[in-house]
Each structure stands twice: as C-alpha cells, then as structure tokens.
C-alpha atoms as a PDB file:
ATOM      1  CA  MET A   1      61.115   3.160  33.418  1.00  0.00           C
ATOM      2  CA  THR A   2      62.209   3.190  29.447  1.00  0.00           C
ATOM      3  CA  SER A   3      63.576   6.091  28.329  1.00  0.00           C
ATOM      4  CA  HIS A   4      60.742   6.523  25.759  1.00  0.00           C
ATOM      5  CA  ARG A   5      58.131   5.596  28.127  1.00  0.00           C
ATOM      6  CA  GLN A   6      56.069   8.382  30.017  1.00  0.00           C
ATOM      7  CA  PRO A   7      55.293   8.089  34.167  1.00  0.00           C
ATOM      8  CA  ALA A   8      51.799   8.108  35.271  1.00  0.00           C
ATOM      9  CA  VAL A   9      51.110  10.891  37.796  1.00  0.00           C
ATOM     10  CA  PHE A  10      48.470  11.683  40.433  1.00  0.00           C
ATOM     11  CA  ALA A  11      48.223  14.995  41.480  1.00  0.00           C
ATOM     12  CA  GLY A  12      46.497  15.866  44.710  1.00  0.00           C
ATOM     13  CA  HIS A  13      44.895  19.319  43.605  1.00  0.00           C
ATOM     14  CA  GLY A  14      43.151  20.556  46.739  1.00  0.00           C
ATOM     15  CA  SER A  15      41.492  23.887  46.759  1.00  0.00           C
ATOM     16  CA  PRO A  16      40.844  25.668  43.304  1.00  0.00           C
ATOM     17  CA  MET A  17      42.491  28.688  45.076  1.00  0.00           C
ATOM     18  CA  TYR A  18      45.685  27.300  44.491  1.00  0.00           C
ATOM     19  CA  ALA A  19      45.221  28.320  40.529  1.00  0.00           C
ATOM     20  CA  LEU A  20      45.196  31.974  41.474  1.00  0.00           C
ATOM     21  CA  LYS A  21      47.653  31.455  44.876  1.00  0.00           C
ATOM     22  CA  PRO A  22      50.930  29.452  44.073  1.00  0.00           C
ATOM     23  CA  ASN A  23      52.375  27.704  46.759  1.00  0.00           C
ATOM     24  CA  ARG A  24      54.679  24.453  47.332  1.00  0.00           C
ATOM     25  CA  TYR A  25      52.651  22.360  45.788  1.00  0.00           C
ATOM     26  CA  THR A  26      52.189  24.221  42.746  1.00  0.00           C
ATOM     27  CA  GLN A  27      55.385  24.634  42.493  1.00  0.00           C
ATOM     28  CA  ALA A  28      56.039  20.810  42.461  1.00  0.00           C
ATOM     29  CA  TRP A  29      53.540  20.640  39.762  1.00  0.00           C
ATOM     30  CA  ALA A  30      55.270  23.255  37.786  1.00  0.00           C
ATOM     31  CA  SER A  31      59.055  21.306  38.455  1.00  0.00           C
ATOM     32  CA  LEU A  32      57.475  18.043  37.573  1.00  0.00           C
ATOM     33  CA  GLY A  33      56.303  19.764  33.845  1.00  0.00           C
ATOM     34  CA  LYS A  34      59.530  20.722  33.368  1.00  0.00           C
ATOM     35  CA  SER A  35      61.529  17.765  34.073  1.00  0.00           C
ATOM     36  CA  LEU A  36      59.444  15.436  31.620  1.00  0.00           C
ATOM     37  CA  LYS A  37      59.670  14.552  28.353  1.00  0.00           C
ATOM     38  CA  ARG A  38      57.376  16.603  26.273  1.00  0.00           C
ATOM     39  CA  PRO A  39      54.683  14.318  25.672  1.00  0.00           C
ATOM     40  CA  ASP A  40      52.152  14.525  22.746  1.00  0.00           C
ATOM     41  CA  ALA A  41      49.168  14.534  24.761  1.00  0.00           C
ATOM     42  CA  VAL A  42      47.788  14.288  28.168  1.00  0.00           C
ATOM     43  CA  LEU A  43      44.978  12.155  28.978  1.00  0.00           C
ATOM     44  CA  VAL A  44      43.199  13.349  32.511  1.00  0.00           C
ATOM     45  CA  VAL A  45      41.352  11.268  35.076  1.00  0.00           C
ATOM     46  CA  SER A  46      39.904  13.812  37.049  1.00  0.00           C
ATOM     47  CA  ALA A  47      37.608  14.051  40.763  1.00  0.00           C
ATOM     48  CA  HIS A  48      35.306  16.304  39.320  1.00  0.00           C
ATOM     49  CA  TRP A  49      33.693  14.302  36.185  1.00  0.00           C
ATOM     50  CA  VAL A  50      31.975  11.335  37.381  1.00  0.00           C
ATOM     51  CA  THR A  51      29.521   9.753  34.813  1.00  0.00           C
ATOM     52  CA  ARG A  52      26.746   6.899  34.089  1.00  0.00           C
ATOM     53  CA  GLY A  53      29.144   4.811  32.064  1.00  0.00           C
ATOM     54  CA  VAL A  54      32.878   5.759  30.572  1.00  0.00           C
ATOM     55  CA  TRP A  55      32.667   9.035  28.534  1.00  0.00           C
ATOM     56  CA  VAL A  56      35.988  10.663  26.983  1.00  0.00           C
ATOM     57  CA  THR A  57      36.146  14.410  25.520  1.00  0.00           C
ATOM     58  CA  ALA A  58      36.435  14.102  21.627  1.00  0.00           C
ATOM     59  CA  MET A  59      36.107  17.723  21.051  1.00  0.00           C
ATOM     60  CA  PRO A  60      39.257  19.491  19.105  1.00  0.00           C
ATOM     61  CA  LYS A  61      38.970  22.889  21.380  1.00  0.00           C
ATOM     62  CA  PRO A  62      37.712  21.681  25.031  1.00  0.00           C
ATOM     63  CA  LYS A  63      36.228  24.682  27.027  1.00  0.00           C
ATOM     64  CA  THR A  64      37.515  25.520  30.327  1.00  0.00           C
ATOM     65  CA  ILE A  65      35.006  24.447  32.675  1.00  0.00           C
ATOM     66  CA  HIS A  66      34.329  26.780  35.907  1.00  0.00           C
ATOM     67  CA  ASP A  67      32.897  23.672  37.991  1.00  0.00           C
ATOM     68  CA  PHE A  68      32.800  25.149  41.765  1.00  0.00           C
ATOM     69  CA  GLY A  69      30.936  28.067  43.362  1.00  0.00           C
ATOM     70  CA  GLY A  70      31.494  30.759  46.036  1.00  0.00           C
ATOM     71  CA  PHE A  71      35.286  31.690  44.880  1.00  0.00           C
ATOM     72  CA  PRO A  72      35.869  35.084  43.668  1.00  0.00           C
ATOM     73  CA  GLN A  73      35.349  36.263  40.216  1.00  0.00           C
ATOM     74  CA  GLU A  74      39.090  35.977  38.935  1.00  0.00           C
ATOM     75  CA  LEU A  75      39.068  32.322  39.671  1.00  0.00           C
ATOM     76  CA  PHE A  76      36.170  32.133  37.211  1.00  0.00           C
ATOM     77  CA  ASP A  77      38.215  34.009  34.401  1.00  0.00           C
ATOM     78  CA  ILE A  78      40.680  31.796  34.275  1.00  0.00           C
ATOM     79  CA  GLU A  79      40.909  30.195  30.420  1.00  0.00           C
ATOM     80  CA  TYR A  80      43.100  26.965  29.683  1.00  0.00           C
ATOM     81  CA  PRO A  81      42.499  27.081  26.165  1.00  0.00           C
ATOM     82  CA  ALA A  82      44.742  23.968  25.214  1.00  0.00           C
ATOM     83  CA  PRO A  83      43.710  22.051  22.171  1.00  0.00           C
ATOM     84  CA  GLY A  84      41.697  18.340  22.295  1.00  0.00           C
ATOM     85  CA  SER A  85      42.750  15.490  20.598  1.00  0.00           C
ATOM     86  CA  PRO A  86      39.752  13.260  18.902  1.00  0.00           C
ATOM     87  CA  ALA A  87      42.463  10.897  17.894  1.00  0.00           C
ATOM     88  CA  LEU A  88      43.539  10.294  21.500  1.00  0.00           C
ATOM     89  CA  ALA A  89      40.054  10.207  22.335  1.00  0.00           C
ATOM     90  CA  ASP A  90      39.489   7.104  19.868  1.00  0.00           C
ATOM     91  CA  ARG A  91      42.657   5.568  20.887  1.00  0.00           C
ATOM     92  CA  VAL A  92      41.430   5.460  24.168  1.00  0.00           C
ATOM     93  CA  LYS A  93      37.773   3.869  23.445  1.00  0.00           C
ATOM     94  CA  GLU A  94      39.968   1.428  21.433  1.00  0.00           C
ATOM     95  CA  LEU A  95      42.005   0.425  24.315  1.00  0.00           C
ATOM     96  CA  LEU A  96      39.134   0.334  26.869  1.00  0.00           C
ATOM     97  CA  ASN A  97      37.436  -2.301  25.151  1.00  0.00           C
ATOM     98  CA  VAL A  98      34.140  -1.449  26.970  1.00  0.00           C
ATOM     99  CA  PRO A  99      31.308   1.058  25.729  1.00  0.00           C
ATOM    100  CA  VAL A 100      32.554   4.287  25.695  1.00  0.00           C
ATOM    101  CA  VAL A 101      30.460   7.995  24.933  1.00  0.00           C
ATOM    102  CA  LEU A 102      32.613  10.277  23.116  1.00  0.00           C
ATOM    103  CA  GLU A 103      31.864  13.606  24.326  1.00  0.00           C
ATOM    104  CA  GLU A 104      31.779  16.395  21.730  1.00  0.00           C
ATOM    105  CA  ASN A 105      29.655  19.032  23.136  1.00  0.00           C
ATOM    106  CA  GLU A 106      28.973  19.247  27.057  1.00  0.00           C
ATOM    107  CA  TRP A 107      32.359  18.897  29.153  1.00  0.00           C
ATOM    108  CA  GLY A 108      35.730  20.055  28.381  1.00  0.00           C
ATOM    109  CA  ILE A 109      38.574  20.731  30.815  1.00  0.00           C
ATOM    110  CA  ASP A 110      37.783  20.838  34.699  1.00  0.00           C
ATOM    111  CA  HIS A 111      39.390  22.530  37.533  1.00  0.00           C
ATOM    112  CA  GLY A 112      40.566  19.207  38.802  1.00  0.00           C
ATOM    113  CA  ALA A 113      42.525  19.285  35.199  1.00  0.00           C
ATOM    114  CA  TRP A 114      43.093  22.519  35.017  1.00  0.00           C
ATOM    115  CA  SER A 115      44.390  23.617  38.461  1.00  0.00           C
ATOM    116  CA  VAL A 116      47.344  21.312  38.145  1.00  0.00           C
ATOM    117  CA  LEU A 117      48.153  21.775  33.918  1.00  0.00           C
ATOM    118  CA  ARG A 118      48.209  25.533  34.069  1.00  0.00           C
ATOM    119  CA  TYR A 119      51.485  25.104  36.419  1.00  0.00           C
ATOM    120  CA  MET A 120      52.956  21.830  34.197  1.00  0.00           C
ATOM    121  CA  TYR A 121      52.000  23.209  30.868  1.00  0.00           C
ATOM    122  CA  PRO A 122      51.642  27.024  31.395  1.00  0.00           C
ATOM    123  CA  ASN A 123      51.015  27.938  27.942  1.00  0.00           C
ATOM    124  CA  ALA A 124      48.293  25.527  27.108  1.00  0.00           C
ATOM    125  CA  ASP A 125      49.923  24.165  24.022  1.00  0.00           C
ATOM    126  CA  VAL A 126      50.169  20.404  25.091  1.00  0.00           C
ATOM    127  CA  PRO A 127      46.506  18.772  23.478  1.00  0.00           C
ATOM    128  CA  ILE A 128      44.367  17.465  26.921  1.00  0.00           C
ATOM    129  CA  VAL A 129      42.119  14.819  26.453  1.00  0.00           C
ATOM    130  CA  GLN A 130      39.651  13.394  29.792  1.00  0.00           C
ATOM    131  CA  LEU A 131      38.602  10.428  30.629  1.00  0.00           C
ATOM    132  CA  SER A 132      35.719  10.046  33.291  1.00  0.00           C
ATOM    133  CA  LEU A 133      34.990   8.296  36.361  1.00  0.00           C
ATOM    134  CA  ASP A 134      32.218   5.559  35.907  1.00  0.00           C
ATOM    135  CA  GLY A 135      30.102   6.312  39.210  1.00  0.00           C
ATOM    136  CA  SER A 136      28.842   2.521  39.089  1.00  0.00           C
ATOM    137  CA  MET A 137      32.003   1.232  39.387  1.00  0.00           C
ATOM    138  CA  SER A 138      33.727  -0.781  42.434  1.00  0.00           C
ATOM    139  CA  ALA A 139      37.627   0.664  43.422  1.00  0.00           C
ATOM    140  CA  ARG A 140      38.782  -2.895  41.431  1.00  0.00           C
ATOM    141  CA  GLY A 141      36.534  -2.194  38.662  1.00  0.00           C
ATOM    142  CA  HIS A 142      38.388   1.505  38.319  1.00  0.00           C
ATOM    143  CA  TYR A 143      41.807  -0.049  38.620  1.00  0.00           C
ATOM    144  CA  ASP A 144      41.007  -2.657  35.936  1.00  0.00           C
ATOM    145  CA  LEU A 145      39.801  -0.464  33.514  1.00  0.00           C
ATOM    146  CA  ALA A 146      42.958   1.610  33.945  1.00  0.00           C
ATOM    147  CA  LYS A 147      45.329  -1.147  33.462  1.00  0.00           C
ATOM    148  CA  LYS A 148      44.282  -1.376  30.006  1.00  0.00           C
ATOM    149  CA  LEU A 149      45.521   2.018  29.308  1.00  0.00           C
ATOM    150  CA  ARG A 150      49.057   1.097  30.232  1.00  0.00           C
ATOM    151  CA  PRO A 151      49.985   1.078  26.063  1.00  0.00           C
ATOM    152  CA  LEU A 152      49.480   4.750  26.083  1.00  0.00           C
ATOM    153  CA  ARG A 153      52.745   5.610  27.942  1.00  0.00           C
ATOM    154  CA  ASP A 154      54.932   3.872  25.402  1.00  0.00           C
ATOM    155  CA  GLU A 155      52.728   6.072  22.817  1.00  0.00           C
ATOM    156  CA  ASN A 156      54.270   9.235  24.596  1.00  0.00           C
ATOM    157  CA  ILE A 157      51.014  10.190  26.440  1.00  0.00           C
ATOM    158  CA  LEU A 158      51.226  11.299  29.945  1.00  0.00           C
ATOM    159  CA  ILE A 159      48.214  10.107  32.069  1.00  0.00           C
ATOM    160  CA  LEU A 160      47.597  12.408  34.481  1.00  0.00           C
ATOM    161  CA  SER A 161      45.038  11.320  37.466  1.00  0.00           C
ATOM    162  CA  SER A 162      43.679  14.281  39.721  1.00  0.00           C
ATOM    163  CA  GLY A 163      41.751  14.162  43.161  1.00  0.00           C
ATOM    164  CA  ASN A 164      42.856  13.637  46.744  1.00  0.00           C
ATOM    165  CA  VAL A 165      43.867  10.303  48.619  1.00  0.00           C
ATOM    166  CA  VAL A 166      41.969  12.193  52.022  1.00  0.00           C
ATOM    167  CA  HIS A 167      39.451  14.141  51.097  1.00  0.00           C
ATOM    168  CA  ASN A 168      36.483  15.305  53.472  1.00  0.00           C
ATOM    169  CA  LEU A 169      35.130  18.560  53.039  1.00  0.00           C
ATOM    170  CA  ARG A 170      33.010  18.282  55.970  1.00  0.00           C
ATOM    171  CA  THR A 171      35.721  18.473  58.470  1.00  0.00           C
ATOM    172  CA  ILE A 172      37.864  21.392  56.834  1.00  0.00           C
ATOM    173  CA  ASP A 173      39.381  23.859  59.051  1.00  0.00           C
ATOM    174  CA  TRP A 174      39.928  26.846  57.278  1.00  0.00           C
ATOM    175  CA  HIS A 175      42.184  28.725  59.388  1.00  0.00           C
ATOM    176  CA  ASP A 176      45.963  29.245  58.421  1.00  0.00           C
ATOM    177  CA  ASN A 177      48.389  26.285  59.710  1.00  0.00           C
ATOM    178  CA  ALA A 178      45.360  24.093  60.912  1.00  0.00           C
ATOM    179  CA  GLU A 179      46.576  20.753  62.280  1.00  0.00           C
ATOM    180  CA  PRO A 180      45.806  17.692  60.022  1.00  0.00           C
ATOM    181  CA  LEU A 181      43.168  15.426  61.759  1.00  0.00           C
ATOM    182  CA  ILE A 182      44.744  12.248  63.268  1.00  0.00           C
ATOM    183  CA  TRP A 183      42.374   9.926  61.137  1.00  0.00           C
ATOM    184  CA  ALA A 184      43.742  11.856  58.043  1.00  0.00           C
ATOM    185  CA  LYS A 185      47.243  11.533  59.156  1.00  0.00           C
ATOM    186  CA  ASP A 186      46.428   7.964  59.703  1.00  0.00           C
ATOM    187  CA  PHE A 187      44.984   6.808  56.363  1.00  0.00           C
ATOM    188  CA  SER A 188      47.676   9.041  54.349  1.00  0.00           C
ATOM    189  CA  GLN A 189      50.393   7.324  56.158  1.00  0.00           C
ATOM    190  CA  PHE A 190      49.271   3.774  55.554  1.00  0.00           C
ATOM    191  CA  PHE A 191      48.354   4.922  51.988  1.00  0.00           C
ATOM    192  CA  ILE A 192      51.951   6.146  51.433  1.00  0.00           C
ATOM    193  CA  SER A 193      53.468   2.904  53.161  1.00  0.00           C
ATOM    194  CA  GLU A 194      51.665   0.519  51.029  1.00  0.00           C
ATOM    195  CA  ILE A 195      52.474   2.259  47.359  1.00  0.00           C
ATOM    196  CA  ARG A 196      56.176   2.604  48.507  1.00  0.00           C
ATOM    197  CA  ALA A 197      56.130  -1.257  49.374  1.00  0.00           C
ATOM    198  CA  ASP A 198      54.170  -1.626  45.895  1.00  0.00           C
ATOM    199  CA  HIS A 199      51.014  -3.299  47.646  1.00  0.00           C
ATOM    200  CA  HIS A 200      48.166  -2.421  45.739  1.00  0.00           C
ATOM    201  CA  GLU A 201      45.498  -4.878  46.862  1.00  0.00           C
ATOM    202  CA  SER A 202      44.819  -3.056  50.318  1.00  0.00           C
ATOM    203  CA  LEU A 203      44.358   0.394  48.268  1.00  0.00           C
ATOM    204  CA  ILE A 204      42.629  -1.296  46.190  1.00  0.00           C
ATOM    205  CA  ASP A 205      40.254  -2.918  49.123  1.00  0.00           C
ATOM    206  CA  TRP A 206      40.794   0.342  51.280  1.00  0.00           C
ATOM    207  CA  GLU A 207      37.410   0.195  53.162  1.00  0.00           C
ATOM    208  CA  ASP A 208      39.070  -2.733  55.175  1.00  0.00           C
ATOM    209  CA  TYR A 209      41.556  -0.134  56.813  1.00  0.00           C
ATOM    210  CA  GLY A 210      38.304   0.847  59.364  1.00  0.00           C
ATOM    211  CA  ASP A 211      37.271   4.424  60.405  1.00  0.00           C
ATOM    212  CA  ALA A 212      40.064   6.580  59.193  1.00  0.00           C
ATOM    213  CA  ALA A 213      39.594   5.392  56.079  1.00  0.00           C
ATOM    214  CA  HIS A 214      35.960   6.263  56.043  1.00  0.00           C
ATOM    215  CA  LEU A 215      36.527   9.403  57.413  1.00  0.00           C
ATOM    216  CA  SER A 216      39.109  10.059  54.738  1.00  0.00           C
ATOM    217  CA  ILE A 217      37.023   9.203  52.158  1.00  0.00           C
ATOM    218  CA  PRO A 218      33.408   9.608  52.909  1.00  0.00           C
ATOM    219  CA  THR A 219      32.778   9.464  48.770  1.00  0.00           C
ATOM    220  CA  ALA A 220      34.908   7.638  46.800  1.00  0.00           C
ATOM    221  CA  GLU A 221      35.207  10.365  43.712  1.00  0.00           C
ATOM    222  CA  HIS A 222      38.597  12.254  44.667  1.00  0.00           C
ATOM    223  CA  TYR A 223      40.046   8.478  45.680  1.00  0.00           C
ATOM    224  CA  TRP A 224      39.559   6.889  42.719  1.00  0.00           C
ATOM    225  CA  PRO A 225      41.821   8.885  40.463  1.00  0.00           C
ATOM    226  CA  ALA A 226      44.525   7.645  42.615  1.00  0.00           C
ATOM    227  CA  LEU A 227      44.167   3.909  41.686  1.00  0.00           C
ATOM    228  CA  TYR A 228      44.118   4.606  38.124  1.00  0.00           C
ATOM    229  CA  THR A 229      47.724   5.903  38.529  1.00  0.00           C
ATOM    230  CA  LEU A 230      48.605   2.560  40.466  1.00  0.00           C
ATOM    231  CA  ALA A 231      47.039   0.065  37.785  1.00  0.00           C
ATOM    232  CA  LEU A 232      49.728   1.933  35.217  1.00  0.00           C
ATOM    233  CA  GLN A 233      52.793   0.897  37.374  1.00  0.00           C
ATOM    234  CA  GLU A 234      54.731  -1.926  35.152  1.00  0.00           C
ATOM    235  CA  ASP A 235      57.207  -4.350  36.845  1.00  0.00           C
ATOM    236  CA  GLY A 236      60.195  -3.022  37.879  1.00  0.00           C
ATOM    237  CA  GLU A 237      58.673   0.649  38.333  1.00  0.00           C
ATOM    238  CA  HIS A 238      57.840   2.189  41.951  1.00  0.00           C
ATOM    239  CA  ALA A 239      56.030   5.155  43.137  1.00  0.00           C
ATOM    240  CA  GLN A 240      58.031   8.424  43.778  1.00  0.00           C
ATOM    241  CA  ILE A 241      56.594  10.865  45.776  1.00  0.00           C
ATOM    242  CA  PHE A 242      57.109  14.852  45.096  1.00  0.00           C
ATOM    243  CA  ALA A 243      54.798  16.647  46.944  1.00  0.00           C
ATOM    244  CA  ASP A 244      52.642  15.770  50.155  1.00  0.00           C
ATOM    245  CA  GLY A 245      51.424  17.060  53.126  1.00  0.00           C
ATOM    246  CA  ILE A 246      47.385  17.702  54.549  1.00  0.00           C
ATOM    247  CA  GLU A 247      45.838  21.143  54.260  1.00  0.00           C
ATOM    248  CA  MET A 248      42.704  22.638  55.854  1.00  0.00           C
ATOM    249  CA  SER A 249      42.833  19.418  58.211  1.00  0.00           C
ATOM    250  CA  SER A 250      41.439  16.877  56.181  1.00  0.00           C
ATOM    251  CA  ILE A 251      42.455  17.487  52.566  1.00  0.00           C
ATOM    252  CA  SER A 252      45.895  14.956  51.467  1.00  0.00           C
ATOM    253  CA  MET A 253      47.499  17.195  49.128  1.00  0.00           C
ATOM    254  CA  LEU A 254      50.086  13.921  48.221  1.00  0.00           C
ATOM    255  CA  SER A 255      51.430  13.653  44.484  1.00  0.00           C
ATOM    256  CA  PHE A 256      53.325  10.657  43.424  1.00  0.00           C
ATOM    257  CA  SER A 257      54.207   9.299  40.071  1.00  0.00           C
ATOM    258  CA  ILE A 258      55.056   5.860  38.590  1.00  0.00           C
ATOM    259  CA  GLN A 259      58.626   5.624  36.756  1.00  0.00           C
END
C-alpha cells in the first residue's frame, strides 16, 4: 500500500448487541481505527441498506437508524451523530457512472454501519456516507461496480464494508459458546483460503461451492459487502485478517482489510 492510500476494510458486524457489550471483535475494530491514518470521510457499504437501484446518502446530518426489533431500549437509545458529506456523495455518483439517487431524507447511518463505527471512531467526528446495495445486481455486478470506487482510496477516503460472510439466522444457537456448524466452518475456511491466495473469481461465483455456500448464504445481502472490499484490491496488495470466529453457530465474524 502506498503511504497515502487508505485501506479497504470489511467488518463482520454480527449482533447489534455488540454495540452495548464489547468483546474481542469490537476490540479489533477499535484497534483498527486507532492504527489507521485519519480519513477525510468514510464510505460505508452496509448489508442493511438494500434498494432498487443505487443510492447514496447526501445529507449533511444523517440520522442514526435503529433498523432492528426485539432488543433492549438502551440499544435504541444509541446515537451516532457523525456528519455527512454531500461532496463525497457527489464524488461517488461521479465515479460510479451509473444512475445514482442522492438520498437526502429517508436514510442515514444504519446499525450495520454505526455498530462498527462507534468503536473505530467513538467521537463520531469523521464524516460518514452510505452506499446502498442494489438488490437486482448479481454478485459480479456488485464486484464490478465496486472497482469504480478505487480512486477514493487515494483521496483519503476509507471504504468500510459491513456484513457477514456466513449469515444464517434460521440456524442460530443462542447458547453461550455454541459450536460452529460444520458447513459454516467449511465455507468460512474456504473463503479465508481464497482471499489469502488472491482468488476472487471463486468468491464471486460462491454458489458453485455447493451446499455449504448455500447454507452459509441463504440470502446474499450480508455477503455482497465482502465483494466490495475485495474489488478494491490493487496490484501488490493482499488481504489481512484482523478478526475471525463463528458466533451463535452460524454467524461469521471474519473481518479483513486490503492494504
């Protein structure tokens, strides 16, 4: 990585409760934030904003969105009052060169973003812009779109993608120290081996891996953000894993950076 280029980061964000209960994953996010050169802004791709078409937040003061249910009131009370960056939103629209909706009213910073950002930048003083996931795109479509964002890394913009490589809510085991399911371990290990070998094609075509992939990714919105980070890899760069583990049997907490 050149001295001035920001890394690209993928965070496995896991349960919203991590925002209230620090653990080894949140400690890794905090350590990462302290280790990085301070960015001028952060562009976030969150699994929790899926739209028709491509949208980007363009408001100067994005609201904190509590896009979940059934959790304690103290989780709903969390605010992450980071400023937005209309200028970055315009730059993203320019780079993508596809129809982009500049969202100024309805969205903001969702929990896929702020649950990680509140550890990386606890003072909420770095401007945040979110980019949506177009639900009609294929995995390859997302990967190819993300490539267009590469110039931002040389403009001191941190690109943070947030999701989970393995995310099957139907098979969660809520017990403490629940053992990872065999297929969850299998697909996670496959993903790790491929990013270490700089093999992206097999991860774009993840469905070809078979049953373990389909059980790990029953719906693709939590997986797609990882492809955004991989697509930002430049020649000579490699993936560096800074957190890993499978929680609640079927949620991968794998987090990695490209630098």
